[in-house]
Amino acid sequence: MKQTEYKQNNHNSPLRDKIRQLVEHNYFQPIIISIILLNGLVIVAESYLPGNQLLLILDTIIVWVFVVELVLKIIGLGTRGYFSEKWNIFDFSIVAASLIFYNTPLVSVLRLIRVLRLIRMIPAIPALRKIIDSLMRSVPALTGILGLSGLIFSIYAIIGTTFFRGVLPDEFFGSFHMSLFTLMQVVTFESWASQVARPIIAEIPGAWVYFVSFIVIGALVILNLVVAVILDYLGHDDELAHQEQMDRLHKENEELRKDVQEIKQILLDQRNSG
C-alpha cells in the first residue's frame, strides 16, 4: 500500500522522479565515496598544514557537497523513505553536526566532527555496512560472553592484587583497576612474559599457574567464543538469502506443477469430448 502511494506521488511529481533516478544511479554512490576519501585526505593534510586556506576551502566545498547529497536524497526518496533506513539517519546526523559546529570556537569538537565524516564510508560501502549490521545483531548473543569475561577478569584481578601487590611496582598490581589493566596487557600478549610474568615467577614460583590459566581461559577460550559468535552472524545473512532463494524456487516449482496439471486436465477433457 505504501509502495503504491509512493509510486503515485512520484508519478505526480516528475522532478522528484528524476532526482530519485539520479540518487539511485550507478555512478552516484561511487562519486560520494570518492568525495569521502577526498575528505579524509584533506583532514590528513590539515594535520601537516594547519590553517592552510586551500584546505579550508576544500573542506567547505566538501561539506556543502554532502548537504546537496542529503537534500537530493530526501527529495528523491521522500522524507519517510529516507528516514526509514537507520544508516540514512546516521548520515543526516553527521551532516547536520558538520553544519552546526562548522564555525564553532571549539576546535576539538570541529576536528571530531570532521573525523566522524569518514565514518560515512561505512553506509556507503555495502560490504562494510554488512559487517557493522552483523556486529550490531550479535550484541545480544555476546552479552553472556562479555559478562563471563568481566567475571573472570574481576576474579583474576582480585587474586593478582592480593598476592602480587608487593612483588611488582604498584602500576601493575597495586590496586583492583591497575590489576585489570595489567590483565588486559597479558591477554593481548604485549610484553606480558618479560615485564609481568617472569619477574613474579622469579619471586613466587607457583605464579605460573595463575598466568597460564588466565591466558588459556581469557585469551584462548573467551576471545575465540566472541570471534565464533561474530562469524556466525556474518554468515547468517548469506544463509537467509539462500533460504529465501530456495523458498522462491520451491514456490515457482509448485506453480509450474499446477500449470502442468491444468494443461494435462484440459487435454484430457478435449480428448474425452472428441
Protein backbone atom coordinates (compact mmCIF):
# COMPACT_ATOMS: atom_id res chain seq x y z
CA MET A 1 0.00 0.00 0.00
CA LYS A 2 2.80 2.38 0.92
CA GLN A 3 4.72 1.50 -2.23
CA THR A 4 1.60 2.22 -4.35
CA GLU A 5 1.14 5.62 -2.69
CA TYR A 6 4.85 6.30 -3.12
CA LYS A 7 4.67 5.49 -6.87
CA GLN A 8 1.61 7.68 -7.26
CA ASN A 9 3.38 10.57 -5.57
CA ASN A 10 6.35 10.12 -7.87
CA HIS A 11 4.03 9.98 -10.89
CA ASN A 12 2.52 13.31 -9.85
CA SER A 13 5.99 14.84 -9.36
CA PRO A 14 8.27 14.36 -12.39
CA LEU A 15 11.03 16.38 -10.69
CA ARG A 16 11.10 14.03 -7.71
CA ASP A 17 11.16 11.05 -10.06
CA LYS A 18 14.19 12.47 -11.92
CA ILE A 19 16.01 13.21 -8.65
CA ARG A 20 15.27 9.69 -7.43
CA GLN A 21 16.74 8.26 -10.62
CA LEU A 22 19.80 10.47 -10.05
CA VAL A 23 20.47 9.33 -6.47
CA GLU A 24 19.91 5.68 -7.47
CA HIS A 25 22.21 5.95 -10.50
CA ASN A 26 25.13 3.52 -10.60
CA TYR A 27 27.70 6.33 -10.60
CA PHE A 28 26.14 8.42 -7.82
CA GLN A 29 27.37 6.34 -4.88
CA PRO A 30 30.96 5.89 -6.20
CA ILE A 31 31.20 9.66 -6.60
CA ILE A 32 30.11 10.17 -2.98
CA ILE A 33 32.66 7.56 -1.84
CA SER A 34 35.37 9.43 -3.75
CA ILE A 35 34.38 12.68 -2.04
CA ILE A 36 34.51 10.97 1.37
CA LEU A 37 38.02 9.73 0.55
CA LEU A 38 38.98 13.25 -0.54
CA ASN A 39 37.62 14.50 2.75
CA GLY A 40 39.93 12.07 4.55
CA LEU A 41 42.94 13.27 2.56
CA VAL A 42 42.06 16.89 3.40
CA ILE A 43 41.84 16.05 7.11
CA VAL A 44 45.22 14.31 6.98
CA ALA A 45 46.76 17.24 5.07
CA GLU A 46 45.39 19.70 7.65
CA SER A 47 47.34 17.88 10.36
CA TYR A 48 50.55 18.84 8.47
CA LEU A 49 49.39 22.26 7.23
CA PRO A 50 47.08 23.74 9.88
CA GLY A 51 45.26 26.85 8.76
CA ASN A 52 46.00 26.35 5.05
CA GLN A 53 43.45 28.38 3.08
CA LEU A 54 43.22 25.94 0.16
CA LEU A 55 42.46 23.05 2.53
CA LEU A 56 39.85 25.14 4.35
CA ILE A 57 38.17 25.99 1.06
CA LEU A 58 38.16 22.32 0.03
CA ASP A 59 36.69 21.38 3.41
CA THR A 60 33.91 23.92 2.96
CA ILE A 61 33.14 22.64 -0.54
CA ILE A 62 33.01 19.05 0.71
CA VAL A 63 30.59 19.98 3.50
CA TRP A 64 28.22 21.62 1.03
CA VAL A 65 28.52 18.68 -1.36
CA PHE A 66 27.34 16.46 1.50
CA VAL A 67 24.47 18.87 2.15
CA VAL A 68 23.43 18.77 -1.52
CA GLU A 69 23.60 14.96 -1.46
CA LEU A 70 21.41 14.92 1.64
CA VAL A 71 18.82 17.24 0.12
CA LEU A 72 18.71 15.28 -3.13
CA LYS A 73 18.15 12.00 -1.29
CA ILE A 74 15.39 13.46 0.88
CA ILE A 75 13.63 14.89 -2.16
CA GLY A 76 14.13 11.82 -4.34
CA LEU A 77 13.29 9.17 -1.75
CA GLY A 78 10.81 11.26 0.23
CA THR A 79 11.09 12.08 3.91
CA ARG A 80 9.61 8.78 5.07
CA GLY A 81 11.58 6.77 2.55
CA TYR A 82 14.84 8.44 3.53
CA PHE A 83 14.46 8.24 7.31
CA SER A 84 13.08 4.69 7.21
CA GLU A 85 16.69 3.44 6.95
CA LYS A 86 18.88 3.77 10.03
CA TRP A 87 22.06 4.42 8.06
CA ASN A 88 20.39 7.44 6.43
CA ILE A 89 19.61 8.79 9.90
CA PHE A 90 23.28 8.36 10.76
CA ASP A 91 24.31 10.26 7.61
CA PHE A 92 21.84 13.02 8.40
CA SER A 93 23.26 13.39 11.94
CA ILE A 94 26.84 13.66 10.68
CA VAL A 95 25.98 16.26 8.03
CA ALA A 96 23.80 18.25 10.44
CA ALA A 97 26.57 18.25 13.06
CA SER A 98 29.06 19.40 10.41
CA LEU A 99 26.87 22.41 9.69
CA ILE A 100 26.05 23.21 13.31
CA PHE A 101 29.64 23.09 14.55
CA TYR A 102 31.35 24.35 11.40
CA ASN A 103 32.19 27.80 12.79
CA THR A 104 32.35 26.76 16.43
CA PRO A 105 35.22 28.16 18.52
CA LEU A 106 35.70 24.67 19.99
CA VAL A 107 38.47 23.39 17.73
CA SER A 108 38.43 19.91 19.27
CA VAL A 109 34.71 19.48 18.54
CA LEU A 110 35.21 20.68 14.97
CA ARG A 111 38.04 18.20 14.41
CA LEU A 112 35.96 15.40 15.90
CA ILE A 113 33.07 16.16 13.52
CA ARG A 114 35.46 16.22 10.57
CA VAL A 115 36.84 12.82 11.52
CA LEU A 116 33.33 11.43 12.01
CA ARG A 117 32.58 12.30 8.38
CA LEU A 118 34.92 9.46 7.43
CA ILE A 119 32.54 7.02 9.15
CA ARG A 120 30.11 7.78 6.32
CA MET A 121 32.26 5.34 4.36
CA ILE A 122 30.52 2.52 6.26
CA PRO A 123 26.98 3.02 4.93
CA ALA A 124 28.37 3.98 1.52
CA ILE A 125 30.07 0.58 1.01
CA PRO A 126 27.71 -2.45 1.25
CA ALA A 127 30.46 -4.82 2.48
CA LEU A 128 31.31 -2.55 5.43
CA ARG A 129 27.65 -1.98 6.19
CA LYS A 130 27.08 -5.75 6.26
CA ILE A 131 29.88 -6.21 8.81
CA ILE A 132 28.57 -3.47 11.12
CA ASP A 133 24.99 -4.78 10.85
CA SER A 134 26.21 -8.26 11.79
CA LEU A 135 28.14 -6.85 14.75
CA MET A 136 25.07 -4.99 16.00
CA ARG A 137 22.87 -8.08 15.70
CA SER A 138 25.44 -10.17 17.57
CA VAL A 139 25.42 -7.87 20.62
CA PRO A 140 22.58 -9.74 22.43
CA ALA A 141 24.37 -13.06 21.87
CA LEU A 142 27.63 -11.56 23.12
CA THR A 143 26.08 -10.26 26.35
CA GLY A 144 26.56 -13.55 28.20
CA ILE A 145 30.12 -13.97 26.94
CA LEU A 146 31.03 -10.40 27.89
CA GLY A 147 29.51 -10.91 31.32
CA LEU A 148 31.53 -14.09 31.79
CA SER A 149 34.66 -12.25 30.65
CA GLY A 150 34.05 -9.47 33.18
CA LEU A 151 33.60 -12.03 35.95
CA ILE A 152 36.81 -13.87 35.05
CA PHE A 153 38.81 -10.65 34.78
CA SER A 154 37.47 -9.48 38.15
CA ILE A 155 38.37 -12.76 39.89
CA TYR A 156 41.89 -12.77 38.47
CA ALA A 157 42.34 -9.07 39.25
CA ILE A 158 41.42 -9.65 42.90
CA ILE A 159 43.80 -12.62 43.09
CA GLY A 160 46.59 -10.63 41.45
CA THR A 161 46.08 -7.65 43.78
CA THR A 162 46.10 -9.95 46.81
CA PHE A 163 49.23 -11.97 46.03
CA PHE A 164 51.36 -9.80 43.73
CA ARG A 165 50.91 -6.30 45.14
CA GLY A 166 54.33 -6.17 46.78
CA VAL A 167 56.23 -8.07 44.09
CA LEU A 168 55.99 -5.56 41.25
CA PRO A 169 55.54 -1.77 41.33
CA ASP A 170 52.04 -0.54 42.15
CA GLU A 171 51.40 0.30 38.49
CA PHE A 172 50.92 -3.42 37.82
CA PHE A 173 49.00 -5.00 40.73
CA GLY A 174 48.81 -2.11 43.21
CA SER A 175 45.02 -1.84 43.04
CA PHE A 176 42.00 -3.54 41.51
CA HIS A 177 41.75 -1.26 38.46
CA MET A 178 45.52 -1.40 37.84
CA SER A 179 45.33 -5.20 38.01
CA LEU A 180 42.55 -5.14 35.41
CA PHE A 181 44.74 -3.02 33.13
CA THR A 182 47.68 -5.41 33.63
CA LEU A 183 45.46 -8.37 32.77
CA MET A 184 44.44 -6.57 29.57
CA GLN A 185 48.14 -6.34 28.75
CA VAL A 186 48.57 -10.05 29.48
CA VAL A 187 45.57 -11.12 27.39
CA THR A 188 46.87 -9.11 24.41
CA PHE A 189 50.33 -10.75 24.81
CA GLU A 190 52.02 -7.33 24.97
CA SER A 191 55.36 -7.92 26.77
CA TRP A 192 53.47 -9.95 29.35
CA ALA A 193 56.19 -12.57 29.87
CA SER A 194 59.27 -10.35 30.27
CA GLN A 195 57.55 -7.43 32.00
CA VAL A 196 54.91 -9.09 34.16
CA ALA A 197 55.05 -12.88 34.43
CA ARG A 198 58.78 -13.69 34.70
CA PRO A 199 59.57 -11.16 37.48
CA ILE A 200 56.67 -12.51 39.54
CA ILE A 201 57.55 -16.17 38.87
CA ALA A 202 61.13 -15.41 39.96
CA GLU A 203 59.76 -14.36 43.37
CA ILE A 204 56.77 -16.74 43.53
CA PRO A 205 57.48 -19.92 41.51
CA GLY A 206 53.89 -21.16 41.64
CA ALA A 207 52.62 -17.99 39.97
CA TRP A 208 52.92 -19.64 36.56
CA VAL A 209 49.62 -21.42 37.26
CA TYR A 210 47.92 -18.02 37.59
CA PHE A 211 49.20 -16.69 34.25
CA VAL A 212 48.84 -19.89 32.25
CA SER A 213 45.27 -20.49 33.43
CA PHE A 214 44.30 -16.87 32.76
CA ILE A 215 45.73 -16.94 29.23
CA VAL A 216 44.02 -20.24 28.42
CA ILE A 217 40.64 -19.08 29.76
CA GLY A 218 40.78 -15.39 28.86
CA ALA A 219 42.66 -15.31 25.59
CA LEU A 220 42.18 -18.72 24.00
CA VAL A 221 38.63 -19.58 25.10
CA ILE A 222 36.69 -16.36 25.72
CA LEU A 223 38.10 -14.38 22.79
CA ASN A 224 37.59 -17.31 20.42
CA LEU A 225 33.98 -17.55 21.58
CA VAL A 226 33.48 -13.90 20.71
CA VAL A 227 35.02 -14.40 17.28
CA ALA A 228 32.89 -17.50 16.68
CA VAL A 229 29.65 -15.65 17.51
CA ILE A 230 30.53 -12.73 15.24
CA LEU A 231 31.47 -15.03 12.36
CA ASP A 232 28.22 -16.92 12.82
CA TYR A 233 26.23 -13.71 12.42
CA LEU A 234 28.34 -12.67 9.42
CA GLY A 235 27.27 -15.82 7.61
CA HIS A 236 23.68 -15.55 8.82
CA ASP A 237 22.69 -13.10 6.06
CA ASP A 238 24.02 -15.41 3.36
CA GLU A 239 22.05 -18.29 4.84
CA LEU A 240 18.87 -16.21 4.90
CA ALA A 241 19.39 -15.12 1.29
CA HIS A 242 19.98 -18.75 0.27
CA GLN A 243 16.87 -19.88 2.15
CA GLU A 244 14.75 -17.16 0.52
CA GLN A 245 16.06 -18.20 -2.88
CA MET A 246 15.21 -21.85 -2.19
CA ASP A 247 11.72 -20.91 -0.99
CA ARG A 248 11.17 -18.84 -4.12
CA LEU A 249 12.31 -21.70 -6.35
CA HIS A 250 10.05 -24.11 -4.46
CA LYS A 251 7.10 -21.78 -4.91
CA GLU A 252 7.81 -21.40 -8.62
CA ASN A 253 8.04 -25.18 -9.00
CA GLU A 254 4.70 -25.63 -7.26
CA GLU A 255 3.09 -23.06 -9.54
CA LEU A 256 4.64 -24.73 -12.59
CA ARG A 257 3.37 -28.11 -11.41
CA LYS A 258 -0.15 -26.73 -11.04
CA ASP A 259 0.03 -25.23 -14.53
CA VAL A 260 1.15 -28.57 -15.96
CA GLN A 261 -1.68 -30.35 -14.14
CA GLU A 262 -4.22 -27.85 -15.51
CA ILE A 263 -2.87 -28.25 -19.06
CA LYS A 264 -2.96 -32.03 -18.71
CA GLN A 265 -6.54 -31.87 -17.46
CA ILE A 266 -7.57 -29.63 -20.35
CA LEU A 267 -6.01 -32.03 -22.86
CA LEU A 268 -7.75 -34.99 -21.25
CA ASP A 269 -11.10 -33.17 -21.34
CA GLN A 270 -10.65 -32.33 -25.02
CA ARG A 271 -9.67 -35.91 -25.77
CA ASN A 272 -12.71 -37.33 -23.94
CA SER A 273 -15.07 -34.87 -25.59
CA GLY A 274 -13.62 -35.67 -29.03
